[in-house]
N, C-alpha and C. Protein backbone atom coordinates (compact mmCIF):
# COMPACT_ATOMS: atom_id res chain seq x y z
N MET A 1 13.23 -2.51 -2.38
CA MET A 1 12.28 -1.54 -1.90
C MET A 1 12.94 -0.74 -0.79
N ASP A 2 12.58 0.51 -0.68
CA ASP A 2 13.11 1.40 0.35
C ASP A 2 12.85 0.81 1.73
N LYS A 3 13.87 0.81 2.58
CA LYS A 3 13.70 0.20 3.90
C LYS A 3 12.77 1.01 4.80
N TYR A 4 12.46 2.25 4.43
CA TYR A 4 11.56 3.08 5.22
C TYR A 4 10.12 3.03 4.68
N PHE A 5 9.87 2.29 3.64
CA PHE A 5 8.56 2.14 3.03
C PHE A 5 7.66 1.29 3.93
N GLU A 6 6.45 1.79 4.20
CA GLU A 6 5.52 1.05 5.05
C GLU A 6 4.14 1.02 4.43
N ILE A 7 3.48 -0.12 4.54
CA ILE A 7 2.08 -0.27 4.16
C ILE A 7 1.33 -0.69 5.41
N ASP A 8 0.27 0.06 5.71
CA ASP A 8 -0.60 -0.28 6.83
C ASP A 8 -2.02 -0.37 6.28
N THR A 9 -2.70 -1.46 6.55
CA THR A 9 -4.05 -1.65 6.03
C THR A 9 -4.91 -2.39 7.03
N ASP A 10 -6.21 -2.21 6.90
CA ASP A 10 -7.13 -2.95 7.75
C ASP A 10 -7.75 -4.14 7.00
N MET A 11 -7.16 -4.52 5.87
CA MET A 11 -7.65 -5.67 5.11
C MET A 11 -7.32 -6.95 5.89
N PRO A 12 -8.29 -7.87 5.99
CA PRO A 12 -7.99 -9.14 6.67
C PRO A 12 -7.02 -9.98 5.84
N ASP A 13 -6.25 -10.82 6.51
CA ASP A 13 -5.26 -11.66 5.84
C ASP A 13 -5.88 -12.62 4.83
N ASP A 14 -7.12 -13.03 5.09
CA ASP A 14 -7.78 -13.99 4.20
C ASP A 14 -8.61 -13.33 3.10
N LEU A 15 -8.40 -12.03 2.85
CA LEU A 15 -9.17 -11.32 1.82
C LEU A 15 -8.84 -11.83 0.42
N GLY A 16 -7.61 -12.28 0.21
CA GLY A 16 -7.23 -12.79 -1.10
C GLY A 16 -6.52 -11.78 -1.97
N LEU A 17 -6.18 -10.62 -1.42
CA LEU A 17 -5.48 -9.58 -2.17
C LEU A 17 -4.09 -9.38 -1.59
N LYS A 18 -3.17 -8.97 -2.48
CA LYS A 18 -1.79 -8.69 -2.07
C LYS A 18 -1.38 -7.35 -2.64
N ILE A 19 -0.80 -6.51 -1.82
CA ILE A 19 -0.28 -5.21 -2.26
C ILE A 19 1.22 -5.38 -2.44
N GLN A 20 1.70 -4.99 -3.63
CA GLN A 20 3.14 -5.12 -3.88
C GLN A 20 3.61 -3.99 -4.79
N PRO A 21 4.85 -3.53 -4.58
CA PRO A 21 5.40 -2.50 -5.46
C PRO A 21 5.66 -3.07 -6.85
N ASN A 22 5.55 -2.24 -7.87
CA ASN A 22 5.82 -2.69 -9.24
C ASN A 22 7.31 -2.80 -9.53
N ASN A 23 8.14 -2.10 -8.77
CA ASN A 23 9.60 -2.27 -8.86
C ASN A 23 10.23 -1.76 -7.58
N ASP A 24 11.49 -2.03 -7.38
CA ASP A 24 12.16 -1.69 -6.12
C ASP A 24 12.42 -0.20 -5.94
N THR A 25 12.55 0.54 -7.02
CA THR A 25 12.93 1.94 -6.88
C THR A 25 11.76 2.88 -6.70
N SER A 26 10.56 2.48 -7.08
CA SER A 26 9.42 3.40 -6.94
C SER A 26 8.28 2.74 -6.18
N GLY A 27 8.60 1.88 -5.22
CA GLY A 27 7.59 1.13 -4.50
C GLY A 27 6.54 1.99 -3.83
N PHE A 28 6.92 3.18 -3.36
CA PHE A 28 5.98 4.02 -2.66
C PHE A 28 5.10 4.84 -3.60
N ASN A 29 5.41 4.88 -4.89
CA ASN A 29 4.62 5.64 -5.86
C ASN A 29 3.97 4.77 -6.92
N ASN A 30 4.36 3.52 -7.02
CA ASN A 30 3.92 2.66 -8.11
C ASN A 30 3.72 1.25 -7.56
N PHE A 31 2.47 0.93 -7.22
CA PHE A 31 2.21 -0.38 -6.64
C PHE A 31 0.96 -0.98 -7.25
N SER A 32 0.78 -2.28 -7.06
CA SER A 32 -0.38 -3.00 -7.58
C SER A 32 -1.08 -3.74 -6.45
N ILE A 33 -2.38 -3.89 -6.62
CA ILE A 33 -3.18 -4.73 -5.74
C ILE A 33 -3.63 -5.89 -6.61
N LYS A 34 -3.19 -7.10 -6.26
CA LYS A 34 -3.46 -8.27 -7.09
C LYS A 34 -4.21 -9.33 -6.30
N GLY A 35 -4.99 -10.12 -7.01
CA GLY A 35 -5.71 -11.23 -6.40
C GLY A 35 -7.20 -11.13 -6.67
N ILE A 36 -7.94 -12.06 -6.13
CA ILE A 36 -9.38 -12.10 -6.25
C ILE A 36 -9.96 -11.96 -4.83
N PRO A 37 -10.69 -10.86 -4.57
CA PRO A 37 -11.20 -10.66 -3.21
C PRO A 37 -12.25 -11.69 -2.83
N LYS A 38 -12.18 -12.14 -1.60
CA LYS A 38 -13.11 -13.14 -1.09
C LYS A 38 -14.25 -12.53 -0.27
N HIS A 39 -14.10 -11.26 0.12
CA HIS A 39 -15.10 -10.58 0.95
C HIS A 39 -15.37 -9.20 0.39
N LYS A 40 -16.61 -8.72 0.51
CA LYS A 40 -16.88 -7.34 0.16
C LYS A 40 -16.68 -6.46 1.39
N GLY A 41 -16.51 -5.17 1.16
CA GLY A 41 -16.32 -4.24 2.27
C GLY A 41 -15.47 -3.06 1.85
N GLU A 42 -15.25 -2.17 2.79
CA GLU A 42 -14.41 -0.99 2.59
C GLU A 42 -13.15 -1.14 3.44
N TYR A 43 -12.01 -0.88 2.82
CA TYR A 43 -10.73 -1.06 3.49
C TYR A 43 -9.87 0.17 3.26
N ILE A 44 -9.04 0.48 4.23
CA ILE A 44 -8.13 1.63 4.15
C ILE A 44 -6.71 1.10 3.94
N ILE A 45 -5.99 1.75 3.02
CA ILE A 45 -4.59 1.43 2.77
C ILE A 45 -3.78 2.71 2.99
N ASN A 46 -2.85 2.69 3.93
CA ASN A 46 -1.96 3.82 4.19
C ASN A 46 -0.56 3.44 3.73
N ILE A 47 0.02 4.31 2.92
CA ILE A 47 1.38 4.08 2.43
C ILE A 47 2.23 5.28 2.85
N SER A 48 3.39 5.00 3.44
CA SER A 48 4.26 6.08 3.87
C SER A 48 5.72 5.69 3.68
N THR A 49 6.53 6.71 3.52
CA THR A 49 7.97 6.52 3.42
C THR A 49 8.65 7.83 3.77
N GLY A 50 9.92 7.76 4.03
CA GLY A 50 10.69 8.95 4.33
C GLY A 50 11.83 9.10 3.34
N PHE A 51 12.25 10.33 3.13
CA PHE A 51 13.38 10.64 2.25
C PHE A 51 14.45 11.27 3.12
N TYR A 52 15.63 10.70 3.12
CA TYR A 52 16.65 11.15 4.06
C TYR A 52 17.96 11.53 3.39
N GLY A 53 17.93 11.98 2.14
CA GLY A 53 19.15 12.36 1.46
C GLY A 53 19.43 13.84 1.56
N ARG A 54 18.44 14.63 1.24
CA ARG A 54 18.59 16.09 1.24
C ARG A 54 17.56 16.69 2.20
N GLY A 55 17.79 16.54 3.44
CA GLY A 55 16.83 17.02 4.42
C GLY A 55 15.91 15.89 4.83
N SER A 56 14.87 16.24 5.48
CA SER A 56 13.95 15.23 5.99
C SER A 56 12.56 15.49 5.43
N ASP A 57 12.05 14.57 4.65
CA ASP A 57 10.73 14.68 4.06
C ASP A 57 10.00 13.37 4.26
N GLU A 58 8.68 13.44 4.26
CA GLU A 58 7.87 12.24 4.38
C GLU A 58 6.78 12.26 3.32
N LEU A 59 6.39 11.08 2.90
CA LEU A 59 5.30 10.90 1.95
C LEU A 59 4.26 10.02 2.62
N ASN A 60 3.03 10.51 2.71
CA ASN A 60 1.94 9.74 3.29
C ASN A 60 0.76 9.79 2.32
N LYS A 61 0.29 8.62 1.94
CA LYS A 61 -0.86 8.52 1.05
C LYS A 61 -1.89 7.59 1.69
N LYS A 62 -3.15 7.97 1.56
CA LYS A 62 -4.22 7.16 2.11
C LYS A 62 -5.21 6.85 1.00
N TYR A 63 -5.56 5.57 0.87
CA TYR A 63 -6.48 5.11 -0.16
C TYR A 63 -7.63 4.36 0.49
N LYS A 64 -8.80 4.45 -0.13
CA LYS A 64 -9.94 3.65 0.29
C LYS A 64 -10.23 2.65 -0.82
N LEU A 65 -10.23 1.38 -0.48
CA LEU A 65 -10.53 0.30 -1.42
C LEU A 65 -11.93 -0.20 -1.09
N ILE A 66 -12.84 -0.14 -2.07
CA ILE A 66 -14.21 -0.58 -1.88
C ILE A 66 -14.46 -1.79 -2.76
N ILE A 67 -14.83 -2.89 -2.14
CA ILE A 67 -15.15 -4.13 -2.86
C ILE A 67 -16.64 -4.35 -2.71
N VAL A 68 -17.36 -4.37 -3.84
CA VAL A 68 -18.82 -4.45 -3.77
C VAL A 68 -19.35 -5.86 -4.01
N GLU A 69 -18.70 -6.66 -4.80
CA GLU A 69 -19.15 -8.03 -5.03
C GLU A 69 -17.98 -8.93 -5.32
């Protein structure tokens, strides 16, 4: 996975879900949320990375995960 790849979330550690990239080369564009949630609620997932080969670019994505039951 890209060393500049970051995941920031407000999900509690005991929620029972894990965010992981589907492969090492596209971790910031292709990821899965796996597990069985133990709590309902709304959670924010922020994913960001930088590209440093041809200039300086950043990718920032924000997702809202809603667990109802």
